[in-house]
Each structure stands twice: as structure tokens, then as C-alpha cells.
Amino acid sequence: EIYLNVAEWGPNGEFGAEAGAQRAFRKSMRNLGRNEAALMA
């Protein structure tokens, strides 16, 4: 849980999977599909 919320997930100060998902897919990490989660990883 900590890792998913502190890892750097973008080039402009996006930290955590929520910020990364919003930047990449314009959706919450709660709603990521399998392929989207794999791209995040």
C-alpha cells in the first residue's frame, strides 16, 4: 500500500498510482483494467 502511494509514477511530480493513473488514463487506480495496470507497472 505504501509503495503504490509513494512510488514516482510520472515525469512531473506525479507520486503514487492514483496520480499516475489519472495522468495516463484519466481514471482512478480503482478502475484500472488488467492491461492498464500492466502498462503502469
PDB file of all heavy atoms in Angstrom:
ATOM      1  N   GLU A   1       0.832  -1.201   0.000  1.00  0.00           N
ATOM      2  CA  GLU A   1       0.000   0.000   0.000  1.00  0.00           C
ATOM      3  C   GLU A   1       0.869   1.253   0.000  1.00  0.00           C
ATOM      4  O   GLU A   1       0.613   2.206  -0.759  1.00  0.00           O
ATOM      5  CB  GLU A   1      -0.907  -0.018   1.227  1.00  0.00           C
ATOM      6  CG  GLU A   1      -1.906   1.125   1.293  1.00  0.00           C
ATOM      7  CD  GLU A   1      -2.886   0.921   2.439  1.00  0.00           C
ATOM      8  OE1 GLU A   1      -2.453   1.018   3.613  1.00  0.00           O
ATOM      9  OE2 GLU A   1      -4.066   0.653   2.162  1.00  0.00           O
ATOM     10  N   ILE A   2       1.912   1.261   0.822  1.00  0.00           N
ATOM     11  CA  ILE A   2       2.819   2.409   0.855  1.00  0.00           C
ATOM     12  C   ILE A   2       3.534   2.556  -0.474  1.00  0.00           C
ATOM     13  O   ILE A   2       3.639   3.664  -1.017  1.00  0.00           O
ATOM     14  CB  ILE A   2       3.823   2.261   2.015  1.00  0.00           C
ATOM     15  CG1 ILE A   2       3.106   2.458   3.360  1.00  0.00           C
ATOM     16  CG2 ILE A   2       4.972   3.250   1.875  1.00  0.00           C
ATOM     17  CD1 ILE A   2       3.989   2.224   4.564  1.00  0.00           C
ATOM     18  N   TYR A   3       4.025   1.457  -1.015  1.00  0.00           N
ATOM     19  CA  TYR A   3       4.750   1.520  -2.284  1.00  0.00           C
ATOM     20  C   TYR A   3       3.879   2.113  -3.387  1.00  0.00           C
ATOM     21  O   TYR A   3       4.322   2.997  -4.135  1.00  0.00           O
ATOM     22  CB  TYR A   3       5.216   0.127  -2.679  1.00  0.00           C
ATOM     23  CG  TYR A   3       6.038   0.112  -3.960  1.00  0.00           C
ATOM     24  CD1 TYR A   3       7.275   0.735  -4.016  1.00  0.00           C
ATOM     25  CD2 TYR A   3       5.563  -0.512  -5.103  1.00  0.00           C
ATOM     26  CE1 TYR A   3       8.029   0.729  -5.173  1.00  0.00           C
ATOM     27  CE2 TYR A   3       6.310  -0.530  -6.275  1.00  0.00           C
ATOM     28  CZ  TYR A   3       7.540   0.091  -6.298  1.00  0.00           C
ATOM     29  OH  TYR A   3       8.274   0.092  -7.459  1.00  0.00           O
ATOM     30  N   LEU A   4       2.648   1.648  -3.478  1.00  0.00           N
ATOM     31  CA  LEU A   4       1.756   2.139  -4.525  1.00  0.00           C
ATOM     32  C   LEU A   4       1.431   3.620  -4.344  1.00  0.00           C
ATOM     33  O   LEU A   4       1.061   4.288  -5.317  1.00  0.00           O
ATOM     34  CB  LEU A   4       0.456   1.330  -4.535  1.00  0.00           C
ATOM     35  CG  LEU A   4       0.567  -0.135  -4.968  1.00  0.00           C
ATOM     36  CD1 LEU A   4      -0.808  -0.806  -4.915  1.00  0.00           C
ATOM     37  CD2 LEU A   4       1.164  -0.274  -6.362  1.00  0.00           C
ATOM     38  N   ASN A   5       1.576   4.137  -3.132  1.00  0.00           N
ATOM     39  CA  ASN A   5       1.219   5.533  -2.872  1.00  0.00           C
ATOM     40  C   ASN A   5       2.401   6.491  -2.798  1.00  0.00           C
ATOM     41  O   ASN A   5       2.190   7.704  -2.678  1.00  0.00           O
ATOM     42  CB  ASN A   5       0.407   5.628  -1.574  1.00  0.00           C
ATOM     43  CG  ASN A   5      -1.048   5.210  -1.772  1.00  0.00           C
ATOM     44  OD1 ASN A   5      -1.814   5.889  -2.442  1.00  0.00           O
ATOM     45  ND2 ASN A   5      -1.421   4.064  -1.203  1.00  0.00           N
ATOM     46  N   VAL A   6       3.637   5.977  -2.858  1.00  0.00           N
ATOM     47  CA  VAL A   6       4.794   6.886  -2.817  1.00  0.00           C
ATOM     48  C   VAL A   6       5.709   6.750  -4.029  1.00  0.00           C
ATOM     49  O   VAL A   6       6.541   7.623  -4.269  1.00  0.00           O
ATOM     50  CB  VAL A   6       5.643   6.701  -1.531  1.00  0.00           C
ATOM     51  CG1 VAL A   6       4.809   6.945  -0.290  1.00  0.00           C
ATOM     52  CG2 VAL A   6       6.320   5.347  -1.490  1.00  0.00           C
ATOM     53  N   ALA A   7       5.583   5.656  -4.795  1.00  0.00           N
ATOM     54  CA  ALA A   7       6.455   5.489  -5.963  1.00  0.00           C
ATOM     55  C   ALA A   7       6.232   6.626  -6.954  1.00  0.00           C
ATOM     56  O   ALA A   7       5.107   7.106  -7.129  1.00  0.00           O
ATOM     57  CB  ALA A   7       6.189   4.143  -6.626  1.00  0.00           C
ATOM     58  N   GLU A   8       7.303   7.055  -7.581  1.00  0.00           N
ATOM     59  CA  GLU A   8       7.192   8.101  -8.595  1.00  0.00           C
ATOM     60  C   GLU A   8       6.611   7.483  -9.861  1.00  0.00           C
ATOM     61  O   GLU A   8       7.142   6.516 -10.389  1.00  0.00           O
ATOM     62  CB  GLU A   8       8.555   8.723  -8.878  1.00  0.00           C
ATOM     63  CG  GLU A   8       8.479  10.001  -9.672  1.00  0.00           C
ATOM     64  CD  GLU A   8       9.806  10.739  -9.744  1.00  0.00           C
ATOM     65  OE1 GLU A   8      10.815  10.175  -9.255  1.00  0.00           O
ATOM     66  OE2 GLU A   8       9.836  11.870 -10.272  1.00  0.00           O
ATOM     67  N   TRP A   9       5.510   8.095 -10.375  1.00  0.00           N
ATOM     68  CA  TRP A   9       4.774   7.477 -11.473  1.00  0.00           C
ATOM     69  C   TRP A   9       4.548   8.450 -12.627  1.00  0.00           C
ATOM     70  O   TRP A   9       3.618   8.271 -13.411  1.00  0.00           O
ATOM     71  CB  TRP A   9       3.436   6.931 -10.978  1.00  0.00           C
ATOM     72  CG  TRP A   9       3.275   5.464 -11.263  1.00  0.00           C
ATOM     73  CD1 TRP A   9       3.322   4.846 -12.489  1.00  0.00           C
ATOM     74  CD2 TRP A   9       3.041   4.412 -10.310  1.00  0.00           C
ATOM     75  NE1 TRP A   9       3.136   3.501 -12.362  1.00  0.00           N
ATOM     76  CE2 TRP A   9       2.967   3.200 -11.031  1.00  0.00           C
ATOM     77  CE3 TRP A   9       2.888   4.400  -8.932  1.00  0.00           C
ATOM     78  CZ2 TRP A   9       2.740   1.972 -10.416  1.00  0.00           C
ATOM     79  CZ3 TRP A   9       2.658   3.188  -8.324  1.00  0.00           C
ATOM     80  CH2 TRP A   9       2.582   1.987  -9.054  1.00  0.00           C
ATOM     81  N   GLY A  10       5.390   9.448 -12.719  1.00  0.00           N
ATOM     82  CA  GLY A  10       5.254  10.399 -13.806  1.00  0.00           C
ATOM     83  C   GLY A  10       6.425  11.341 -13.855  1.00  0.00           C
ATOM     84  O   GLY A  10       7.199  11.434 -12.894  1.00  0.00           O
ATOM     85  N   PRO A  11       6.592  12.089 -14.944  1.00  0.00           N
ATOM     86  CA  PRO A  11       7.763  12.941 -15.125  1.00  0.00           C
ATOM     87  C   PRO A  11       7.657  14.313 -14.481  1.00  0.00           C
ATOM     88  O   PRO A  11       8.619  15.069 -14.481  1.00  0.00           O
ATOM     89  CB  PRO A  11       7.836  13.077 -16.651  1.00  0.00           C
ATOM     90  CG  PRO A  11       6.401  13.019 -17.081  1.00  0.00           C
ATOM     91  CD  PRO A  11       5.728  12.050 -16.149  1.00  0.00           C
ATOM     92  N   ASN A  12       6.483  14.630 -13.919  1.00  0.00           N
ATOM     93  CA  ASN A  12       6.279  15.998 -13.437  1.00  0.00           C
ATOM     94  C   ASN A  12       5.683  16.008 -12.032  1.00  0.00           C
ATOM     95  O   ASN A  12       4.689  16.663 -11.762  1.00  0.00           O
ATOM     96  CB  ASN A  12       5.363  16.766 -14.401  1.00  0.00           C
ATOM     97  CG  ASN A  12       5.317  18.245 -14.088  1.00  0.00           C
ATOM     98  OD1 ASN A  12       6.274  18.824 -13.575  1.00  0.00           O
ATOM     99  ND2 ASN A  12       4.180  18.863 -14.388  1.00  0.00           N
ATOM    100  N   GLY A  13       6.306  15.243 -11.139  1.00  0.00           N
ATOM    101  CA  GLY A  13       5.875  15.254  -9.748  1.00  0.00           C
ATOM    102  C   GLY A  13       4.660  14.408  -9.453  1.00  0.00           C
ATOM    103  O   GLY A  13       3.991  14.643  -8.441  1.00  0.00           O
ATOM    104  N   GLU A  14       4.360  13.418 -10.300  1.00  0.00           N
ATOM    105  CA  GLU A  14       3.244  12.504 -10.022  1.00  0.00           C
ATOM    106  C   GLU A  14       3.751  11.363  -9.137  1.00  0.00           C
ATOM    107  O   GLU A  14       4.567  10.554  -9.566  1.00  0.00           O
ATOM    108  CB  GLU A  14       2.643  11.935 -11.309  1.00  0.00           C
ATOM    109  CG  GLU A  14       1.929  12.966 -12.165  1.00  0.00           C
ATOM    110  CD  GLU A  14       2.831  13.658 -13.165  1.00  0.00           C
ATOM    111  OE1 GLU A  14       4.033  13.310 -13.202  1.00  0.00           O
ATOM    112  OE2 GLU A  14       2.354  14.539 -13.901  1.00  0.00           O
ATOM    113  N   PHE A  15       3.258  11.313  -7.917  1.00  0.00           N
ATOM    114  CA  PHE A  15       3.654  10.270  -6.976  1.00  0.00           C
ATOM    115  C   PHE A  15       2.438   9.430  -6.621  1.00  0.00           C
ATOM    116  O   PHE A  15       1.361   9.946  -6.359  1.00  0.00           O
ATOM    117  CB  PHE A  15       4.251  10.881  -5.709  1.00  0.00           C
ATOM    118  CG  PHE A  15       5.595  11.525  -5.925  1.00  0.00           C
ATOM    119  CD1 PHE A  15       5.682  12.862  -6.291  1.00  0.00           C
ATOM    120  CD2 PHE A  15       6.765  10.797  -5.787  1.00  0.00           C
ATOM    121  CE1 PHE A  15       6.907  13.463  -6.489  1.00  0.00           C
ATOM    122  CE2 PHE A  15       8.000  11.389  -5.988  1.00  0.00           C
ATOM    123  CZ  PHE A  15       8.080  12.722  -6.350  1.00  0.00           C
ATOM    124  N   GLY A  16       2.643   8.130  -6.609  1.00  0.00           N
ATOM    125  CA  GLY A  16       1.557   7.215  -6.292  1.00  0.00           C
ATOM    126  C   GLY A  16       0.777   6.805  -7.519  1.00  0.00           C
ATOM    127  O   GLY A  16       0.716   7.513  -8.528  1.00  0.00           O
ATOM    128  N   ALA A  17       0.170   5.635  -7.413  1.00  0.00           N
ATOM    129  CA  ALA A  17      -0.552   5.065  -8.559  1.00  0.00           C
ATOM    130  C   ALA A  17      -1.771   5.889  -8.946  1.00  0.00           C
ATOM    131  O   ALA A  17      -2.148   5.910 -10.123  1.00  0.00           O
ATOM    132  CB  ALA A  17      -0.972   3.632  -8.237  1.00  0.00           C
ATOM    133  N   GLU A  18      -2.394   6.564  -7.983  1.00  0.00           N
ATOM    134  CA  GLU A  18      -3.577   7.365  -8.314  1.00  0.00           C
ATOM    135  C   GLU A  18      -3.200   8.507  -9.256  1.00  0.00           C
ATOM    136  O   GLU A  18      -3.852   8.720 -10.292  1.00  0.00           O
ATOM    137  CB  GLU A  18      -4.229   7.908  -7.045  1.00  0.00           C
ATOM    138  CG  GLU A  18      -5.458   8.774  -7.280  1.00  0.00           C
ATOM    139  CD  GLU A  18      -6.650   8.021  -7.859  1.00  0.00           C
ATOM    140  OE1 GLU A  18      -6.632   6.766  -7.837  1.00  0.00           O
ATOM    141  OE2 GLU A  18      -7.596   8.682  -8.334  1.00  0.00           O
ATOM    142  N   ALA A  19      -2.140   9.233  -8.931  1.00  0.00           N
ATOM    143  CA  ALA A  19      -1.691  10.323  -9.798  1.00  0.00           C
ATOM    144  C   ALA A  19      -1.220   9.783 -11.138  1.00  0.00           C
ATOM    145  O   ALA A  19      -1.465  10.385 -12.187  1.00  0.00           O
ATOM    146  CB  ALA A  19      -0.575  11.111  -9.117  1.00  0.00           C
ATOM    147  N   GLY A  20      -0.537   8.624 -11.115  1.00  0.00           N
ATOM    148  CA  GLY A  20      -0.071   8.036 -12.362  1.00  0.00           C
ATOM    149  C   GLY A  20      -1.209   7.587 -13.259  1.00  0.00           C
ATOM    150  O   GLY A  20      -1.172   7.781 -14.481  1.00  0.00           O
ATOM    151  N   ALA A  21      -2.253   6.997 -12.656  1.00  0.00           N
ATOM    152  CA  ALA A  21      -3.403   6.546 -13.440  1.00  0.00           C
ATOM    153  C   ALA A  21      -4.183   7.727 -14.009  1.00  0.00           C
ATOM    154  O   ALA A  21      -4.646   7.684 -15.156  1.00  0.00           O
ATOM    155  CB  ALA A  21      -4.313   5.676 -12.574  1.00  0.00           C
ATOM    156  N   GLN A  22      -4.326   8.777 -13.212  1.00  0.00           N
ATOM    157  CA  GLN A  22      -5.031   9.960 -13.703  1.00  0.00           C
ATOM    158  C   GLN A  22      -4.280  10.596 -14.871  1.00  0.00           C
ATOM    159  O   GLN A  22      -4.899  11.044 -15.851  1.00  0.00           O
ATOM    160  CB  GLN A  22      -5.198  10.981 -12.564  1.00  0.00           C
ATOM    161  CG  GLN A  22      -6.143  10.548 -11.452  1.00  0.00           C
ATOM    162  CD  GLN A  22      -7.601  10.550 -11.873  1.00  0.00           C
ATOM    163  OE1 GLN A  22      -7.949  11.013 -12.953  1.00  0.00           O
ATOM    164  NE2 GLN A  22      -8.464  10.039 -11.014  1.00  0.00           N
ATOM    165  N   ARG A  23      -2.954  10.626 -14.789  1.00  0.00           N
ATOM    166  CA  ARG A  23      -2.170  11.219 -15.862  1.00  0.00           C
ATOM    167  C   ARG A  23      -2.254  10.386 -17.136  1.00  0.00           C
ATOM    168  O   ARG A  23      -2.408  10.913 -18.233  1.00  0.00           O
ATOM    169  CB  ARG A  23      -0.703  11.360 -15.439  1.00  0.00           C
ATOM    170  CG  ARG A  23       0.176  11.950 -16.539  1.00  0.00           C
ATOM    171  CD  ARG A  23       1.621  12.057 -16.128  1.00  0.00           C
ATOM    172  NE  ARG A  23       2.396  12.719 -17.174  1.00  0.00           N
ATOM    173  CZ  ARG A  23       2.915  12.097 -18.218  1.00  0.00           C
ATOM    174  NH1 ARG A  23       2.738  10.783 -18.367  1.00  0.00           N
ATOM    175  NH2 ARG A  23       3.604  12.767 -19.130  1.00  0.00           N
ATOM    176  N   ALA A  24      -2.138   9.059 -16.989  1.00  0.00           N
ATOM    177  CA  ALA A  24      -2.063   8.188 -18.163  1.00  0.00           C
ATOM    178  C   ALA A  24      -3.425   7.881 -18.768  1.00  0.00           C
ATOM    179  O   ALA A  24      -3.564   7.849 -20.001  1.00  0.00           O
ATOM    180  CB  ALA A  24      -1.361   6.880 -17.787  1.00  0.00           C
ATOM    181  N   PHE A  25      -4.436   7.656 -17.916  1.00  0.00           N
ATOM    182  CA  PHE A  25      -5.705   7.139 -18.417  1.00  0.00           C
ATOM    183  C   PHE A  25      -6.916   7.992 -18.046  1.00  0.00           C
ATOM    184  O   PHE A  25      -8.050   7.641 -18.389  1.00  0.00           O
ATOM    185  CB  PHE A  25      -5.920   5.705 -17.891  1.00  0.00           C
ATOM    186  CG  PHE A  25      -4.766   4.789 -18.152  1.00  0.00           C
ATOM    187  CD1 PHE A  25      -3.996   4.289 -17.105  1.00  0.00           C
ATOM    188  CD2 PHE A  25      -4.421   4.429 -19.444  1.00  0.00           C
ATOM    189  CE1 PHE A  25      -2.926   3.449 -17.337  1.00  0.00           C
ATOM    190  CE2 PHE A  25      -3.348   3.583 -19.696  1.00  0.00           C
ATOM    191  CZ  PHE A  25      -2.603   3.098 -18.645  1.00  0.00           C
ATOM    192  N   ARG A  26      -6.663   9.084 -17.306  1.00  0.00           N
ATOM    193  CA  ARG A  26      -7.765   9.946 -16.868  1.00  0.00           C
ATOM    194  C   ARG A  26      -8.819   9.162 -16.086  1.00  0.00           C
ATOM    195  O   ARG A  26     -10.015   9.371 -16.221  1.00  0.00           O
ATOM    196  CB  ARG A  26      -8.419  10.652 -18.065  1.00  0.00           C
ATOM    197  CG  ARG A  26      -7.484  11.567 -18.828  1.00  0.00           C
ATOM    198  CD  ARG A  26      -7.081  12.760 -17.972  1.00  0.00           C
ATOM    199  NE  ARG A  26      -6.279  13.713 -18.707  1.00  0.00           N
ATOM    200  CZ  ARG A  26      -4.952  13.729 -18.761  1.00  0.00           C
ATOM    201  NH1 ARG A  26      -4.262  12.805 -18.103  1.00  0.00           N
ATOM    202  NH2 ARG A  26      -4.300  14.644 -19.449  1.00  0.00           N
ATOM    203  N   LYS A  27      -8.335   8.248 -15.267  1.00  0.00           N
ATOM    204  CA  LYS A  27      -9.248   7.478 -14.407  1.00  0.00           C
ATOM    205  C   LYS A  27      -8.523   7.125 -13.122  1.00  0.00           C
ATOM    206  O   LYS A  27      -7.294   7.213 -13.037  1.00  0.00           O
ATOM    207  CB  LYS A  27      -9.726   6.210 -15.109  1.00  0.00           C
ATOM    208  CG  LYS A  27      -8.611   5.211 -15.434  1.00  0.00           C
ATOM    209  CD  LYS A  27      -9.155   3.849 -15.844  1.00  0.00           C
ATOM    210  CE  LYS A  27      -9.939   3.888 -17.129  1.00  0.00           C
ATOM    211  NZ  LYS A  27     -10.329   2.521 -17.563  1.00  0.00           N
ATOM    212  N   SER A  28      -9.295   6.742 -12.111  1.00  0.00           N
ATOM    213  CA  SER A  28      -8.723   6.361 -10.834  1.00  0.00           C
ATOM    214  C   SER A  28      -8.037   5.004 -10.933  1.00  0.00           C
ATOM    215  O   SER A  28      -8.409   4.153 -11.746  1.00  0.00           O
ATOM    216  CB  SER A  28      -9.824   6.306  -9.768  1.00  0.00           C
ATOM    217  OG  SER A  28      -9.327   5.767  -8.553  1.00  0.00           O
ATOM    218  N   MET A  29      -7.042   4.798 -10.064  1.00  0.00           N
ATOM    219  CA  MET A  29      -6.406   3.488  -9.976  1.00  0.00           C
ATOM    220  C   MET A  29      -7.405   2.415  -9.550  1.00  0.00           C
ATOM    221  O   MET A  29      -7.167   1.226  -9.755  1.00  0.00           O
ATOM    222  CB  MET A  29      -5.241   3.521  -8.984  1.00  0.00           C
ATOM    223  CG  MET A  29      -5.638   3.840  -7.547  1.00  0.00           C
ATOM    224  SD  MET A  29      -4.247   3.908  -6.386  1.00  0.00           S
ATOM    225  CE  MET A  29      -3.955   2.160  -6.094  1.00  0.00           C
ATOM    226  N   ARG A  30      -8.514   2.844  -8.972  1.00  0.00           N
ATOM    227  CA  ARG A  30      -9.564   1.900  -8.565  1.00  0.00           C
ATOM    228  C   ARG A  30     -10.188   1.203  -9.772  1.00  0.00           C
ATOM    229  O   ARG A  30     -10.720   0.089  -9.643  1.00  0.00           O
ATOM    230  CB  ARG A  30     -10.662   2.630  -7.789  1.00  0.00           C
ATOM    231  CG  ARG A  30     -10.219   3.317  -6.503  1.00  0.00           C
ATOM    232  CD  ARG A  30     -11.338   4.187  -5.958  1.00  0.00           C
ATOM    233  NE  ARG A  30     -11.050   4.788  -4.674  1.00  0.00           N
ATOM    234  CZ  ARG A  30     -10.407   5.944  -4.510  1.00  0.00           C
ATOM    235  NH1 ARG A  30      -9.972   6.604  -5.585  1.00  0.00           N
ATOM    236  NH2 ARG A  30     -10.191   6.432  -3.303  1.00  0.00           N
ATOM    237  N   ASN A  31     -10.140   1.870 -10.931  1.00  0.00           N
ATOM    238  CA  ASN A  31     -10.868   1.385 -12.106  1.00  0.00           C
ATOM    239  C   ASN A  31      -9.954   0.902 -13.223  1.00  0.00           C
ATOM    240  O   ASN A  31     -10.397   0.735 -14.355  1.00  0.00           O
ATOM    241  CB  ASN A  31     -11.767   2.508 -12.645  1.00  0.00           C
ATOM    242  CG  ASN A  31     -12.732   3.023 -11.586  1.00  0.00           C
ATOM    243  OD1 ASN A  31     -13.313   2.243 -10.843  1.00  0.00           O
ATOM    244  ND2 ASN A  31     -12.888   4.333 -11.504  1.00  0.00           N
ATOM    245  N   LEU A  32      -8.688   0.672 -12.926  1.00  0.00           N
ATOM    246  CA  LEU A  32      -7.763   0.221 -13.954  1.00  0.00           C
ATOM    247  C   LEU A  32      -8.089  -1.190 -14.414  1.00  0.00           C
ATOM    248  O   LEU A  32      -8.387  -2.081 -13.607  1.00  0.00           O
ATOM    249  CB  LEU A  32      -6.326   0.252 -13.428  1.00  0.00           C
ATOM    250  CG  LEU A  32      -5.703   1.618 -13.162  1.00  0.00           C
ATOM    251  CD1 LEU A  32      -4.321   1.447 -12.550  1.00  0.00           C
ATOM    252  CD2 LEU A  32      -5.635   2.452 -14.435  1.00  0.00           C
ATOM    253  N   GLY A  33      -8.023  -1.396 -15.723  1.00  0.00           N
ATOM    254  CA  GLY A  33      -8.137  -2.743 -16.262  1.00  0.00           C
ATOM    255  C   GLY A  33      -6.804  -3.455 -16.195  1.00  0.00           C
ATOM    256  O   GLY A  33      -5.768  -2.871 -15.869  1.00  0.00           O
ATOM    257  N   ARG A  34      -6.794  -4.718 -16.546  1.00  0.00           N
ATOM    258  CA  ARG A  34      -5.580  -5.527 -16.455  1.00  0.00           C
ATOM    259  C   ARG A  34      -4.470  -4.977 -17.344  1.00  0.00           C
ATOM    260  O   ARG A  34      -3.315  -4.871 -16.915  1.00  0.00           O
ATOM    261  CB  ARG A  34      -5.909  -6.970 -16.830  1.00  0.00           C
ATOM    262  CG  ARG A  34      -4.741  -7.935 -16.742  1.00  0.00           C
ATOM    263  CD  ARG A  34      -5.219  -9.350 -16.916  1.00  0.00           C
ATOM    264  NE  ARG A  34      -4.108 -10.290 -17.017  1.00  0.00           N
ATOM    265  CZ  ARG A  34      -4.252 -11.597 -17.088  1.00  0.00           C
ATOM    266  NH1 ARG A  34      -5.466 -12.131 -17.080  1.00  0.00           N
ATOM    267  NH2 ARG A  34      -3.200 -12.385 -17.179  1.00  0.00           N
ATOM    268  N   ASN A  35      -4.785  -4.611 -18.569  1.00  0.00           N
ATOM    269  CA  ASN A  35      -3.767  -4.089 -19.482  1.00  0.00           C
ATOM    270  C   ASN A  35      -3.252  -2.722 -19.029  1.00  0.00           C
ATOM    271  O   ASN A  35      -2.065  -2.419 -19.158  1.00  0.00           O
ATOM    272  CB  ASN A  35      -4.321  -3.995 -20.904  1.00  0.00           C
ATOM    273  CG  ASN A  35      -4.592  -5.362 -21.519  1.00  0.00           C
ATOM    274  OD1 ASN A  35      -3.974  -6.356 -21.112  1.00  0.00           O
ATOM    275  ND2 ASN A  35      -5.496  -5.424 -22.472  1.00  0.00           N
ATOM    276  N   GLU A  36      -4.147  -1.899 -18.491  1.00  0.00           N
ATOM    277  CA  GLU A  36      -3.729  -0.589 -17.987  1.00  0.00           C
ATOM    278  C   GLU A  36      -2.809  -0.748 -16.775  1.00  0.00           C
ATOM    279  O   GLU A  36      -1.802  -0.033 -16.651  1.00  0.00           O
ATOM    280  CB  GLU A  36      -4.958   0.243 -17.634  1.00  0.00           C
ATOM    281  CG  GLU A  36      -5.792   0.640 -18.845  1.00  0.00           C
ATOM    282  CD  GLU A  36      -7.161   1.173 -18.479  1.00  0.00           C
ATOM    283  OE1 GLU A  36      -7.688   0.783 -17.413  1.00  0.00           O
ATOM    284  OE2 GLU A  36      -7.704   1.979 -19.259  1.00  0.00           O
ATOM    285  N   ALA A  37      -3.150  -1.673 -15.881  1.00  0.00           N
ATOM    286  CA  ALA A  37      -2.298  -1.928 -14.720  1.00  0.00           C
ATOM    287  C   ALA A  37      -0.919  -2.411 -15.155  1.00  0.00           C
ATOM    288  O   ALA A  37       0.101  -2.036 -14.570  1.00  0.00           O
ATOM    289  CB  ALA A  37      -2.954  -2.953 -13.801  1.00  0.00           C
ATOM    290  N   ALA A  38      -0.885  -3.246 -16.195  1.00  0.00           N
ATOM    291  CA  ALA A  38       0.390  -3.747 -16.697  1.00  0.00           C
ATOM    292  C   ALA A  38       1.232  -2.621 -17.291  1.00  0.00           C
ATOM    293  O   ALA A  38       2.457  -2.590 -17.120  1.00  0.00           O
ATOM    294  CB  ALA A  38       0.150  -4.843 -17.728  1.00  0.00           C
ATOM    295  N   LEU A  39       0.599  -1.685 -17.992  1.00  0.00           N
ATOM    296  CA  LEU A  39       1.328  -0.537 -18.521  1.00  0.00           C
ATOM    297  C   LEU A  39       1.869   0.325 -17.380  1.00  0.00           C
ATOM    298  O   LEU A  39       2.997   0.841 -17.456  1.00  0.00           O
ATOM    299  CB  LEU A  39       0.418   0.303 -19.419  1.00  0.00           C
ATOM    300  CG  LEU A  39       0.123  -0.262 -20.808  1.00  0.00           C
ATOM    301  CD1 LEU A  39      -0.970   0.548 -21.499  1.00  0.00           C
ATOM    302  CD2 LEU A  39       1.397  -0.258 -21.665  1.00  0.00           C
ATOM    303  N   MET A  40       1.088   0.473 -16.316  1.00  0.00           N
ATOM    304  CA  MET A  40       1.552   1.224 -15.157  1.00  0.00           C
ATOM    305  C   MET A  40       2.797   0.570 -14.559  1.00  0.00           C
ATOM    306  O   MET A  40       3.772   1.237 -14.210  1.00  0.00           O
ATOM    307  CB  MET A  40       0.453   1.305 -14.106  1.00  0.00           C
ATOM    308  CG  MET A  40      -0.753   2.133 -14.497  1.00  0.00           C
ATOM    309  SD  MET A  40      -0.548   3.889 -14.148  1.00  0.00           S
ATOM    310  CE  MET A  40      -0.588   3.874 -12.354  1.00  0.00           C
ATOM    311  N   ALA A  41       2.767  -0.763 -14.444  1.00  0.00           N
ATOM    312  CA  ALA A  41       3.906  -1.477 -13.873  1.00  0.00           C
ATOM    313  C   ALA A  41       5.130  -1.378 -14.775  1.00  0.00           C
ATOM    314  O   ALA A  41       6.263  -1.327 -14.287  1.00  0.00           O
ATOM    315  CB  ALA A  41       3.532  -2.941 -13.639  1.00  0.00           C
TER     316      ALA A  41
END
